[in-house]
Amino acid sequence: MIDITRYVRGRRLVLSAVFLLAGCHAAPRADMSRLSAPAQDYLLITSYFMAEGGMVSRLQDGGLSGQQVYDMATSLKYGKSMILAALTRPSRKARRNGRQAVELMVACTNQPDPSTLGGRMPASCLPNGPASPDAKGRMPPQPATSAHK
């Protein structure tokens, strides 16, 4: 004979678990745009310094190619300029550019170790990046341009 109370209790438990998980999944995401401008600036600066700390730690670990070090330095310089622009001329676009610059810094920090790639060179983390250094870390000669136009 089937114990109906045990059957109903089990189904009720499963159903409540499904509803609980569905409720967690449907919760709205926290959006930074709902915060005040000073709070957004604080979070932007904090995330920049966290990304910079991760980058410095990765550089200290070593095992990076010249290209990776160059990409990290470039993304750090770009991140700093975007953060300063967001703080000196605050706007929605400037904050978005600052967030994207921090995301680029994190992407450059998370590059794979070249020793795990089987001799292949890792792809640059910079979108449409500038000229890359060669295997010895030297930059190719740049074309001469006139300083006065």
Protein backbone atom coordinates (compact mmCIF):
# COMPACT_ATOMS: atom_id res chain seq x y z
CA MET A 1 0.00 0.00 0.00
CA ILE A 2 1.16 3.54 -0.81
CA ASP A 3 1.56 5.95 2.05
CA ILE A 4 -0.21 9.00 0.57
CA THR A 5 1.03 11.48 3.18
CA ARG A 6 4.62 10.57 2.47
CA TYR A 7 4.00 10.95 -1.27
CA VAL A 8 2.31 14.36 -0.86
CA ARG A 9 4.97 15.60 1.55
CA GLY A 10 7.74 14.65 -0.89
CA ARG A 11 6.01 16.37 -3.81
CA ARG A 12 5.35 19.48 -1.73
CA LEU A 13 9.04 19.63 -0.75
CA VAL A 14 10.19 19.34 -4.36
CA LEU A 15 7.68 21.93 -5.51
CA SER A 16 8.69 24.41 -2.83
CA ALA A 17 12.38 23.95 -3.73
CA VAL A 18 11.59 24.66 -7.39
CA PHE A 19 9.68 27.83 -6.50
CA LEU A 20 12.45 28.97 -4.19
CA LEU A 21 15.08 28.54 -6.90
CA ALA A 22 12.86 30.26 -9.46
CA GLY A 23 12.40 33.19 -7.09
CA CYS A 24 16.15 33.53 -6.61
CA HIS A 25 16.71 33.44 -10.34
CA ALA A 26 14.08 36.07 -11.05
CA ALA A 27 15.49 38.60 -8.55
CA PRO A 28 16.46 41.85 -10.29
CA ARG A 29 20.15 42.56 -10.76
CA ALA A 30 21.69 45.39 -8.82
CA ASP A 31 22.45 48.23 -11.20
CA MET A 32 25.07 50.87 -10.42
CA SER A 33 23.04 53.56 -12.18
CA ARG A 34 20.56 53.52 -9.30
CA LEU A 35 23.28 54.69 -6.93
CA SER A 36 24.18 58.32 -6.32
CA ALA A 37 27.05 59.81 -8.32
CA PRO A 38 29.48 59.85 -5.36
CA ALA A 39 28.71 56.19 -4.63
CA GLN A 40 29.32 55.28 -8.28
CA ASP A 41 32.63 57.17 -8.22
CA TYR A 42 33.66 55.40 -5.02
CA LEU A 43 32.90 51.98 -6.51
CA LEU A 44 34.73 52.88 -9.71
CA ILE A 45 37.85 53.97 -7.83
CA THR A 46 37.71 50.92 -5.58
CA SER A 47 37.37 48.53 -8.52
CA TYR A 48 40.27 50.27 -10.29
CA PHE A 49 42.58 49.82 -7.30
CA MET A 50 41.51 46.19 -6.90
CA ALA A 51 42.26 45.53 -10.58
CA GLU A 52 45.60 47.32 -10.26
CA GLY A 53 46.50 45.20 -7.22
CA GLY A 54 45.65 42.03 -9.11
CA MET A 55 47.77 43.19 -12.01
CA VAL A 56 50.77 43.96 -9.80
CA SER A 57 50.42 40.56 -8.14
CA ARG A 58 50.34 38.85 -11.53
CA LEU A 59 53.43 40.75 -12.65
CA GLN A 60 55.28 39.73 -9.48
CA ASP A 61 54.39 36.08 -10.08
CA GLY A 62 56.37 36.21 -13.33
CA GLY A 63 56.11 33.76 -16.19
CA LEU A 64 54.67 36.34 -18.58
CA SER A 65 55.75 37.05 -22.13
CA GLY A 66 56.92 40.48 -23.22
CA GLN A 67 53.63 40.95 -25.09
CA GLN A 68 51.62 40.22 -21.96
CA VAL A 69 53.62 42.67 -19.85
CA TYR A 70 53.21 45.31 -22.55
CA ASP A 71 49.45 44.69 -22.72
CA MET A 72 49.15 44.93 -18.95
CA ALA A 73 51.09 48.20 -18.83
CA THR A 74 49.02 49.64 -21.64
CA SER A 75 45.73 48.64 -20.02
CA LEU A 76 46.91 50.11 -16.69
CA LYS A 77 47.76 53.43 -18.32
CA TYR A 78 44.46 53.46 -20.20
CA GLY A 79 42.54 52.57 -17.04
CA LYS A 80 44.15 55.38 -15.09
CA SER A 81 43.31 57.93 -17.80
CA MET A 82 39.68 56.76 -18.01
CA ILE A 83 39.26 56.90 -14.22
CA LEU A 84 40.72 60.40 -14.10
CA ALA A 85 38.43 61.48 -16.92
CA ALA A 86 35.42 60.05 -15.08
CA LEU A 87 36.37 61.93 -11.92
CA THR A 88 37.27 65.27 -13.51
CA ARG A 89 34.37 65.38 -15.97
CA PRO A 90 31.72 63.12 -14.45
CA SER A 91 29.06 61.83 -16.79
CA ARG A 92 27.29 58.57 -17.52
CA LYS A 93 29.51 57.96 -20.55
CA ALA A 94 32.71 58.72 -18.61
CA ARG A 95 31.72 56.26 -15.86
CA ARG A 96 30.86 53.59 -18.44
CA ASN A 97 34.26 54.12 -20.10
CA GLY A 98 35.91 53.83 -16.69
CA ARG A 99 34.12 50.54 -15.97
CA GLN A 100 35.13 49.19 -19.38
CA ALA A 101 38.75 50.20 -18.75
CA VAL A 102 38.73 48.32 -15.43
CA GLU A 103 37.24 45.29 -17.21
CA LEU A 104 40.09 45.49 -19.74
CA MET A 105 42.62 45.58 -16.91
CA VAL A 106 41.07 42.45 -15.40
CA ALA A 107 41.07 40.73 -18.81
CA CYS A 108 44.78 41.49 -19.22
CA THR A 109 45.47 40.19 -15.71
CA ASN A 110 43.69 36.91 -16.49
CA GLN A 111 45.86 36.07 -19.51
CA PRO A 112 47.08 32.46 -19.65
CA ASP A 113 50.62 31.57 -18.70
CA PRO A 114 52.64 31.16 -21.94
CA SER A 115 54.25 27.97 -20.65
CA THR A 116 50.83 26.27 -20.74
CA LEU A 117 50.23 27.10 -24.41
CA GLY A 118 52.71 24.65 -25.91
CA GLY A 119 54.97 27.20 -27.58
CA ARG A 120 52.17 29.29 -29.05
CA MET A 121 52.09 33.01 -28.35
CA PRO A 122 49.07 34.11 -26.31
CA ALA A 123 46.58 36.41 -28.01
CA SER A 124 46.70 40.06 -27.06
CA CYS A 125 44.12 41.10 -24.50
CA LEU A 126 43.90 44.56 -26.07
CA PRO A 127 41.28 45.04 -28.77
CA ASN A 128 42.96 46.46 -31.87
CA GLY A 129 46.11 46.91 -29.84
CA PRO A 130 49.15 48.89 -30.93
CA ALA A 131 52.27 47.35 -32.38
CA SER A 132 53.46 44.39 -30.37
CA PRO A 133 56.99 43.83 -29.12
CA ASP A 134 58.94 40.95 -30.61
CA ALA A 135 59.95 37.81 -28.71
CA LYS A 136 62.80 39.68 -26.98
CA GLY A 137 60.46 42.47 -25.84
CA ARG A 138 61.73 45.05 -28.35
CA MET A 139 59.27 47.32 -30.13
CA PRO A 140 59.39 47.44 -33.94
CA PRO A 141 60.47 50.80 -35.36
CA GLN A 142 57.62 53.26 -35.73
CA PRO A 143 57.17 55.18 -38.98
CA ALA A 144 58.53 58.71 -38.81
CA THR A 145 55.82 61.35 -38.57
CA SER A 146 56.06 65.08 -38.69
CA ALA A 147 55.64 66.78 -35.32
CA HIS A 148 54.37 69.98 -36.93
CA LYS A 149 51.28 69.83 -39.07
